[in-house]
Amino acid sequence: MMLPCICPSCQSPLKVKSLRCENCKTEVSGLYELPVISRLKPDEQDFILRFVKCSGSLKEMAKHLNLSYPTVRNLLDDIILKINNYE
């Protein structure tokens, strides 16, 4: 299950309020932004994971996804643009 990052009521970004260790029960509270990658759609996160596993090779990604090199380049450019807009 994906971590929700958008409010289902008003569509604003959600923030993390607390984290808890299941082992020792320590809890850290505050108001923290979600990591940029977790704010991406699941298919975009999967693309990034595959890209890293392919050692950053767009040629390998194109082969793996059965898409043309320019299509994969466009997908990566779209994700880069989205990441830049989050920062």
PDB file of N, CA and C in Angstrom:
ATOM      1  N   MET A   1       0.846  -1.172   0.000  1.00  0.00           N
ATOM      2  CA  MET A   1       0.000   0.000   0.000  1.00  0.00           C
ATOM      3  C   MET A   1       0.893   1.237   0.000  1.00  0.00           C
ATOM      4  N   MET A   2       0.569   2.203  -0.836  1.00  0.00           N
ATOM      5  CA  MET A   2       1.341   3.433  -0.940  1.00  0.00           C
ATOM      6  C   MET A   2       1.007   4.383   0.203  1.00  0.00           C
ATOM      7  N   LEU A   3       1.994   5.107   0.647  1.00  0.00           N
ATOM      8  CA  LEU A   3       1.828   6.129   1.663  1.00  0.00           C
ATOM      9  C   LEU A   3       1.012   7.271   1.070  1.00  0.00           C
ATOM     10  N   PRO A   4      -0.097   7.659   1.697  1.00  0.00           N
ATOM     11  CA  PRO A   4      -0.867   8.781   1.144  1.00  0.00           C
ATOM     12  C   PRO A   4      -0.066  10.067   1.289  1.00  0.00           C
ATOM     13  N   CYS A   5      -0.079  10.904   0.259  1.00  0.00           N
ATOM     14  CA  CYS A   5       0.665  12.153   0.334  1.00  0.00           C
ATOM     15  C   CYS A   5      -0.185  13.364  -0.028  1.00  0.00           C
ATOM     16  N   ILE A   6      -1.441  13.126  -0.426  1.00  0.00           N
ATOM     17  CA  ILE A   6      -2.368  14.200  -0.753  1.00  0.00           C
ATOM     18  C   ILE A   6      -3.628  14.033   0.093  1.00  0.00           C
ATOM     19  N   CYS A   7      -4.110  15.146   0.659  1.00  0.00           N
ATOM     20  CA  CYS A   7      -5.320  15.120   1.476  1.00  0.00           C
ATOM     21  C   CYS A   7      -6.516  14.721   0.623  1.00  0.00           C
ATOM     22  N   PRO A   8      -7.256  13.689   1.029  1.00  0.00           N
ATOM     23  CA  PRO A   8      -8.414  13.271   0.244  1.00  0.00           C
ATOM     24  C   PRO A   8      -9.556  14.291   0.289  1.00  0.00           C
ATOM     25  N   SER A   9      -9.519  15.191   1.236  1.00  0.00           N
ATOM     26  CA  SER A   9     -10.581  16.181   1.386  1.00  0.00           C
ATOM     27  C   SER A   9     -10.334  17.445   0.556  1.00  0.00           C
ATOM     28  N   CYS A  10      -9.116  18.022   0.690  1.00  0.00           N
ATOM     29  CA  CYS A  10      -8.865  19.310   0.023  1.00  0.00           C
ATOM     30  C   CYS A  10      -7.741  19.264  -1.014  1.00  0.00           C
ATOM     31  N   GLN A  11      -7.102  18.113  -1.182  1.00  0.00           N
ATOM     32  CA  GLN A  11      -6.027  17.906  -2.158  1.00  0.00           C
ATOM     33  C   GLN A  11      -4.723  18.628  -1.819  1.00  0.00           C
ATOM     34  N   SER A  12      -4.553  19.094  -0.592  1.00  0.00           N
ATOM     35  CA  SER A  12      -3.298  19.715  -0.164  1.00  0.00           C
ATOM     36  C   SER A  12      -2.285  18.628   0.202  1.00  0.00           C
ATOM     37  N   PRO A  13      -0.990  18.959   0.146  1.00  0.00           N
ATOM     38  CA  PRO A  13       0.023  17.969   0.537  1.00  0.00           C
ATOM     39  C   PRO A  13      -0.095  17.612   2.021  1.00  0.00           C
ATOM     40  N   LEU A  14       0.042  16.326   2.324  1.00  0.00           N
ATOM     41  CA  LEU A  14       0.052  15.872   3.710  1.00  0.00           C
ATOM     42  C   LEU A  14       1.470  15.955   4.260  1.00  0.00           C
ATOM     43  N   LYS A  15       1.589  16.072   5.583  1.00  0.00           N
ATOM     44  CA  LYS A  15       2.885  16.056   6.257  1.00  0.00           C
ATOM     45  C   LYS A  15       2.862  14.963   7.306  1.00  0.00           C
ATOM     46  N   VAL A  16       4.035  14.476   7.663  1.00  0.00           N
ATOM     47  CA  VAL A  16       4.170  13.433   8.667  1.00  0.00           C
ATOM     48  C   VAL A  16       4.164  14.100  10.045  1.00  0.00           C
ATOM     49  N   LYS A  17       3.368  13.556  10.969  1.00  0.00           N
ATOM     50  CA  LYS A  17       3.290  14.116  12.314  1.00  0.00           C
ATOM     51  C   LYS A  17       4.145  13.339  13.308  1.00  0.00           C
ATOM     52  N   SER A  18       4.218  12.017  13.155  1.00  0.00           N
ATOM     53  CA  SER A  18       5.032  11.241  14.082  1.00  0.00           C
ATOM     54  C   SER A  18       5.511   9.949  13.433  1.00  0.00           C
ATOM     55  N   LEU A  19       6.615   9.449  13.994  1.00  0.00           N
ATOM     56  CA  LEU A  19       7.181   8.166  13.584  1.00  0.00           C
ATOM     57  C   LEU A  19       7.376   7.344  14.846  1.00  0.00           C
ATOM     58  N   ARG A  20       7.208   6.030  14.720  1.00  0.00           N
ATOM     59  CA  ARG A  20       7.304   5.175  15.901  1.00  0.00           C
ATOM     60  C   ARG A  20       8.122   3.931  15.588  1.00  0.00           C
ATOM     61  N   CYS A  21       9.000   3.580  16.499  1.00  0.00           N
ATOM     62  CA  CYS A  21       9.775   2.353  16.392  1.00  0.00           C
ATOM     63  C   CYS A  21       8.943   1.225  16.998  1.00  0.00           C
ATOM     64  N   GLU A  22       8.643   0.227  16.212  1.00  0.00           N
ATOM     65  CA  GLU A  22       7.856  -0.905  16.703  1.00  0.00           C
ATOM     66  C   GLU A  22       8.661  -1.767  17.673  1.00  0.00           C
ATOM     67  N   ASN A  23       9.983  -1.707  17.592  1.00  0.00           N
ATOM     68  CA  ASN A  23      10.828  -2.519  18.455  1.00  0.00           C
ATOM     69  C   ASN A  23      10.865  -1.991  19.886  1.00  0.00           C
ATOM     70  N   CYS A  24      11.238  -0.714  20.056  1.00  0.00           N
ATOM     71  CA  CYS A  24      11.404  -0.170  21.412  1.00  0.00           C
ATOM     72  C   CYS A  24      10.304   0.818  21.808  1.00  0.00           C
ATOM     73  N   LYS A  25       9.377   1.078  20.891  1.00  0.00           N
ATOM     74  CA  LYS A  25       8.226   1.961  21.125  1.00  0.00           C
ATOM     75  C   LYS A  25       8.597   3.444  21.231  1.00  0.00           C
ATOM     76  N   THR A  26       9.820   3.821  20.853  1.00  0.00           N
ATOM     77  CA  THR A  26      10.191   5.229  20.825  1.00  0.00           C
ATOM     78  C   THR A  26       9.363   5.927  19.756  1.00  0.00           C
ATOM     79  N   GLU A  27       8.893   7.126  20.080  1.00  0.00           N
ATOM     80  CA  GLU A  27       8.104   7.895  19.119  1.00  0.00           C
ATOM     81  C   GLU A  27       8.730   9.272  18.951  1.00  0.00           C
ATOM     82  N   VAL A  28       8.839   9.699  17.699  1.00  0.00           N
ATOM     83  CA  VAL A  28       9.367  11.015  17.361  1.00  0.00           C
ATOM     84  C   VAL A  28       8.208  11.807  16.774  1.00  0.00           C
ATOM     85  N   SER A  29       7.919  12.951  17.382  1.00  0.00           N
ATOM     86  CA  SER A  29       6.803  13.777  16.916  1.00  0.00           C
ATOM     87  C   SER A  29       7.309  15.106  16.383  1.00  0.00           C
ATOM     88  N   GLY A  30       6.575  15.661  15.471  1.00  0.00           N
ATOM     89  CA  GLY A  30       6.900  16.948  14.870  1.00  0.00           C
ATOM     90  C   GLY A  30       6.013  17.126  13.660  1.00  0.00           C
ATOM     91  N   LEU A  31       6.408  17.977  12.743  1.00  0.00           N
ATOM     92  CA  LEU A  31       5.678  18.153  11.493  1.00  0.00           C
ATOM     93  C   LEU A  31       6.714  18.164  10.377  1.00  0.00           C
ATOM     94  N   TYR A  32       6.789  17.053   9.638  1.00  0.00           N
ATOM     95  CA  TYR A  32       7.831  16.848   8.646  1.00  0.00           C
ATOM     96  C   TYR A  32       7.244  16.678   7.255  1.00  0.00           C
ATOM     97  N   GLU A  33       7.940  17.251   6.283  1.00  0.00           N
ATOM     98  CA  GLU A  33       7.552  17.071   4.887  1.00  0.00           C
ATOM     99  C   GLU A  33       7.883  15.656   4.455  1.00  0.00           C
ATOM    100  N   LEU A  34       7.070  15.105   3.588  1.00  0.00           N
ATOM    101  CA  LEU A  34       7.368  13.797   3.005  1.00  0.00           C
ATOM    102  C   LEU A  34       8.529  13.948   2.029  1.00  0.00           C
ATOM    103  N   PRO A  35       9.359  12.923   1.890  1.00  0.00           N
ATOM    104  CA  PRO A  35      10.431  12.987   0.897  1.00  0.00           C
ATOM    105  C   PRO A  35       9.856  13.213  -0.503  1.00  0.00           C
ATOM    106  N   VAL A  36      10.598  13.928  -1.326  1.00  0.00           N
ATOM    107  CA  VAL A  36      10.133  14.276  -2.670  1.00  0.00           C
ATOM    108  C   VAL A  36       9.700  13.037  -3.449  1.00  0.00           C
ATOM    109  N   ILE A  37      10.486  11.981  -3.397  1.00  0.00           N
ATOM    110  CA  ILE A  37      10.163  10.779  -4.177  1.00  0.00           C
ATOM    111  C   ILE A  37       8.835  10.164  -3.735  1.00  0.00           C
ATOM    112  N   SER A  38       8.518  10.239  -2.455  1.00  0.00           N
ATOM    113  CA  SER A  38       7.255   9.657  -1.984  1.00  0.00           C
ATOM    114  C   SER A  38       6.049  10.462  -2.449  1.00  0.00           C
ATOM    115  N   ARG A  39       6.264  11.686  -2.912  1.00  0.00           N
ATOM    116  CA  ARG A  39       5.156  12.506  -3.422  1.00  0.00           C
ATOM    117  C   ARG A  39       4.850  12.225  -4.893  1.00  0.00           C
ATOM    118  N   LEU A  40       5.713  11.455  -5.535  1.00  0.00           N
ATOM    119  CA  LEU A  40       5.472  11.089  -6.931  1.00  0.00           C
ATOM    120  C   LEU A  40       4.450   9.959  -7.010  1.00  0.00           C
ATOM    121  N   LYS A  41       3.843   9.815  -8.178  1.00  0.00           N
ATOM    122  CA  LYS A  41       2.892   8.720  -8.402  1.00  0.00           C
ATOM    123  C   LYS A  41       3.640   7.385  -8.350  1.00  0.00           C
ATOM    124  N   PRO A  42       2.931   6.307  -8.009  1.00  0.00           N
ATOM    125  CA  PRO A  42       3.581   4.991  -7.931  1.00  0.00           C
ATOM    126  C   PRO A  42       4.337   4.604  -9.206  1.00  0.00           C
ATOM    127  N   ASP A  43       3.776   4.896 -10.378  1.00  0.00           N
ATOM    128  CA  ASP A  43       4.474   4.530 -11.616  1.00  0.00           C
ATOM    129  C   ASP A  43       5.742   5.363 -11.815  1.00  0.00           C
ATOM    130  N   GLU A  44       5.745   6.596 -11.318  1.00  0.00           N
ATOM    131  CA  GLU A  44       6.947   7.425 -11.399  1.00  0.00           C
ATOM    132  C   GLU A  44       8.010   6.923 -10.419  1.00  0.00           C
ATOM    133  N   GLN A  45       7.578   6.504  -9.243  1.00  0.00           N
ATOM    134  CA  GLN A  45       8.515   5.924  -8.272  1.00  0.00           C
ATOM    135  C   GLN A  45       9.124   4.646  -8.834  1.00  0.00           C
ATOM    136  N   ASP A  46       8.289   3.826  -9.475  1.00  0.00           N
ATOM    137  CA  ASP A  46       8.777   2.586 -10.085  1.00  0.00           C
ATOM    138  C   ASP A  46       9.780   2.889 -11.190  1.00  0.00           C
ATOM    139  N   PHE A  47       9.506   3.917 -11.991  1.00  0.00           N
ATOM    140  CA  PHE A  47      10.428   4.315 -13.051  1.00  0.00           C
ATOM    141  C   PHE A  47      11.790   4.663 -12.456  1.00  0.00           C
ATOM    142  N   ILE A  48      11.802   5.461 -11.381  1.00  0.00           N
ATOM    143  CA  ILE A  48      13.062   5.857 -10.748  1.00  0.00           C
ATOM    144  C   ILE A  48      13.808   4.640 -10.216  1.00  0.00           C
ATOM    145  N   LEU A  49      13.093   3.721  -9.578  1.00  0.00           N
ATOM    146  CA  LEU A  49      13.721   2.508  -9.051  1.00  0.00           C
ATOM    147  C   LEU A  49      14.345   1.684 -10.179  1.00  0.00           C
ATOM    148  N   ARG A  50      13.611   1.512 -11.265  1.00  0.00           N
ATOM    149  CA  ARG A  50      14.142   0.751 -12.405  1.00  0.00           C
ATOM    150  C   ARG A  50      15.336   1.474 -13.027  1.00  0.00           C
ATOM    151  N   PHE A  51      15.249   2.800 -13.098  1.00  0.00           N
ATOM    152  CA  PHE A  51      16.332   3.601 -13.666  1.00  0.00           C
ATOM    153  C   PHE A  51      17.623   3.397 -12.872  1.00  0.00           C
ATOM    154  N   VAL A  52      17.513   3.398 -11.564  1.00  0.00           N
ATOM    155  CA  VAL A  52      18.684   3.167 -10.708  1.00  0.00           C
ATOM    156  C   VAL A  52      19.206   1.751 -10.916  1.00  0.00           C
ATOM    157  N   LYS A  53      18.303   0.762 -10.975  1.00  0.00           N
ATOM    158  CA  LYS A  53      18.726  -0.622 -11.194  1.00  0.00           C
ATOM    159  C   LYS A  53      19.403  -0.800 -12.550  1.00  0.00           C
ATOM    160  N   CYS A  54      19.061   0.052 -13.518  1.00  0.00           N
ATOM    161  CA  CYS A  54      19.690   0.010 -14.842  1.00  0.00           C
ATOM    162  C   CYS A  54      20.929   0.904 -14.892  1.00  0.00           C
ATOM    163  N   SER A  55      21.432   1.285 -13.724  1.00  0.00           N
ATOM    164  CA  SER A  55      22.624   2.139 -13.605  1.00  0.00           C
ATOM    165  C   SER A  55      22.477   3.458 -14.352  1.00  0.00           C
ATOM    166  N   GLY A  56      21.250   3.952 -14.412  1.00  0.00           N
ATOM    167  CA  GLY A  56      21.016   5.240 -15.059  1.00  0.00           C
ATOM    168  C   GLY A  56      21.097   5.206 -16.572  1.00  0.00           C
ATOM    169  N   SER A  57      20.987   4.041 -17.149  1.00  0.00           N
ATOM    170  CA  SER A  57      21.081   3.904 -18.605  1.00  0.00           C
ATOM    171  C   SER A  57      19.697   4.004 -19.241  1.00  0.00           C
ATOM    172  N   LEU A  58      19.472   5.074 -19.999  1.00  0.00           N
ATOM    173  CA  LEU A  58      18.199   5.213 -20.704  1.00  0.00           C
ATOM    174  C   LEU A  58      18.044   4.134 -21.780  1.00  0.00           C
ATOM    175  N   LYS A  59      19.161   3.726 -22.358  1.00  0.00           N
ATOM    176  CA  LYS A  59      19.136   2.662 -23.364  1.00  0.00           C
ATOM    177  C   LYS A  59      18.614   1.368 -22.742  1.00  0.00           C
ATOM    178  N   GLU A  60      19.117   1.026 -21.550  1.00  0.00           N
ATOM    179  CA  GLU A  60      18.648  -0.175 -20.850  1.00  0.00           C
ATOM    180  C   GLU A  60      17.184  -0.034 -20.435  1.00  0.00           C
ATOM    181  N   MET A  61      16.808   1.165 -19.986  1.00  0.00           N
ATOM    182  CA  MET A  61      15.418   1.405 -19.599  1.00  0.00           C
ATOM    183  C   MET A  61      14.491   1.199 -20.793  1.00  0.00           C
ATOM    184  N   ALA A  62      14.880   1.719 -21.931  1.00  0.00           N
ATOM    185  CA  ALA A  62      14.067   1.583 -23.139  1.00  0.00           C
ATOM    186  C   ALA A  62      13.876   0.106 -23.483  1.00  0.00           C
ATOM    187  N   LYS A  63      14.944  -0.652 -23.379  1.00  0.00           N
ATOM    188  CA  LYS A  63      14.875  -2.086 -23.660  1.00  0.00           C
ATOM    189  C   LYS A  63      13.971  -2.787 -22.640  1.00  0.00           C
ATOM    190  N   HIS A  64      14.157  -2.460 -21.365  1.00  0.00           N
ATOM    191  CA  HIS A  64      13.396  -3.079 -20.279  1.00  0.00           C
ATOM    192  C   HIS A  64      11.900  -2.752 -20.380  1.00  0.00           C
ATOM    193  N   LEU A  65      11.572  -1.504 -20.730  1.00  0.00           N
ATOM    194  CA  LEU A  65      10.172  -1.071 -20.809  1.00  0.00           C
ATOM    195  C   LEU A  65       9.561  -1.304 -22.185  1.00  0.00           C
ATOM    196  N   ASN A  66      10.388  -1.746 -23.129  1.00  0.00           N
ATOM    197  CA  ASN A  66       9.932  -1.970 -24.503  1.00  0.00           C
ATOM    198  C   ASN A  66       9.374  -0.679 -25.110  1.00  0.00           C
ATOM    199  N   LEU A  67      10.110   0.413 -24.879  1.00  0.00           N
ATOM    200  CA  LEU A  67       9.749   1.725 -25.405  1.00  0.00           C
ATOM    201  C   LEU A  67      10.941   2.293 -26.164  1.00  0.00           C
ATOM    202  N   SER A  68      10.690   3.319 -26.961  1.00  0.00           N
ATOM    203  CA  SER A  68      11.797   3.956 -27.673  1.00  0.00           C
ATOM    204  C   SER A  68      12.608   4.815 -26.713  1.00  0.00           C
ATOM    205  N   TYR A  69      13.858   5.036 -27.078  1.00  0.00           N
ATOM    206  CA  TYR A  69      14.739   5.872 -26.271  1.00  0.00           C
ATOM    207  C   TYR A  69      14.132   7.264 -26.050  1.00  0.00           C
ATOM    208  N   PRO A  70      13.623   7.945 -27.114  1.00  0.00           N
ATOM    209  CA  PRO A  70      13.045   9.280 -26.900  1.00  0.00           C
ATOM    210  C   PRO A  70      11.838   9.268 -25.942  1.00  0.00           C
ATOM    211  N   THR A  71      11.054   8.208 -25.978  1.00  0.00           N
ATOM    212  CA  THR A  71       9.909   8.109 -25.065  1.00  0.00           C
ATOM    213  C   THR A  71      10.380   8.006 -23.626  1.00  0.00           C
ATOM    214  N   VAL A  72      11.387   7.187 -23.393  1.00  0.00           N
ATOM    215  CA  VAL A  72      11.932   7.036 -22.041  1.00  0.00           C
ATOM    216  C   VAL A  72      12.574   8.346 -21.594  1.00  0.00           C
ATOM    217  N   ARG A  73      13.269   9.028 -22.486  1.00  0.00           N
ATOM    218  CA  ARG A  73      13.873  10.327 -22.167  1.00  0.00           C
ATOM    219  C   ARG A  73      12.789  11.321 -21.755  1.00  0.00           C
ATOM    220  N   ASN A  74      11.660  11.321 -22.473  1.00  0.00           N
ATOM    221  CA  ASN A  74      10.544  12.214 -22.141  1.00  0.00           C
ATOM    222  C   ASN A  74       9.940  11.876 -20.785  1.00  0.00           C
ATOM    223  N   LEU A  75       9.825  10.588 -20.481  1.00  0.00           N
ATOM    224  CA  LEU A  75       9.307  10.176 -19.169  1.00  0.00           C
ATOM    225  C   LEU A  75      10.222  10.688 -18.054  1.00  0.00           C
ATOM    226  N   LEU A  76      11.525  10.524 -18.258  1.00  0.00           N
ATOM    227  CA  LEU A  76      12.484  10.999 -17.269  1.00  0.00           C
ATOM    228  C   LEU A  76      12.428  12.518 -17.138  1.00  0.00           C
ATOM    229  N   ASP A  77      12.339  13.217 -18.254  1.00  0.00           N
ATOM    230  CA  ASP A  77      12.254  14.683 -18.214  1.00  0.00           C
ATOM    231  C   ASP A  77      11.012  15.146 -17.457  1.00  0.00           C
ATOM    232  N   ASP A  78       9.891  14.454 -17.644  1.00  0.00           N
ATOM    233  CA  ASP A  78       8.654  14.796 -16.928  1.00  0.00           C
ATOM    234  C   ASP A  78       8.825  14.620 -15.422  1.00  0.00           C
ATOM    235  N   ILE A  79       9.486  13.549 -15.025  1.00  0.00           N
ATOM    236  CA  ILE A  79       9.718  13.298 -13.597  1.00  0.00           C
ATOM    237  C   ILE A  79      10.667  14.347 -13.027  1.00  0.00           C
ATOM    238  N   ILE A  80      11.706  14.683 -13.764  1.00  0.00           N
ATOM    239  CA  ILE A  80      12.654  15.715 -13.317  1.00  0.00           C
ATOM    240  C   ILE A  80      11.934  17.043 -13.123  1.00  0.00           C
ATOM    241  N   LEU A  81      11.091  17.407 -14.044  1.00  0.00           N
ATOM    242  CA  LEU A  81      10.323  18.654 -13.936  1.00  0.00           C
ATOM    243  C   LEU A  81       9.437  18.647 -12.693  1.00  0.00           C
ATOM    244  N   LYS A  82       8.778  17.523 -12.461  1.00  0.00           N
ATOM    245  CA  LYS A  82       7.909  17.395 -11.295  1.00  0.00           C
ATOM    246  C   LYS A  82       8.713  17.516 -10.000  1.00  0.00           C
ATOM    247  N   ILE A  83       9.866  16.856  -9.944  1.00  0.00           N
ATOM    248  CA  ILE A  83      10.727  16.933  -8.759  1.00  0.00           C
ATOM    249  C   ILE A  83      11.189  18.369  -8.526  1.00  0.00           C
ATOM    250  N   ASN A  84      11.586  19.048  -9.594  1.00  0.00           N
ATOM    251  CA  ASN A  84      12.034  20.436  -9.459  1.00  0.00           C
ATOM    252  C   ASN A  84      10.921  21.344  -8.958  1.00  0.00           C
ATOM    253  N   ASN A  85       9.680  21.048  -9.306  1.00  0.00           N
ATOM    254  CA  ASN A  85       8.556  21.844  -8.844  1.00  0.00           C
ATOM    255  C   ASN A  85       8.254  21.604  -7.364  1.00  0.00           C
ATOM    256  N   TYR A  86       8.616  20.435  -6.837  1.00  0.00           N
ATOM    257  CA  TYR A  86       8.405  20.131  -5.426  1.00  0.00           C
ATOM    258  C   TYR A  86       9.429  20.820  -4.539  1.00  0.00           C
ATOM    259  N   GLU A  87      10.612  21.059  -5.066  1.00  0.00           N
ATOM    260  CA  GLU A  87      11.687  21.608  -4.234  1.00  0.00           C
ATOM    261  C   GLU A  87      11.606  23.113  -4.138  1.00  0.00           C
TER     262      GLU A  87
END
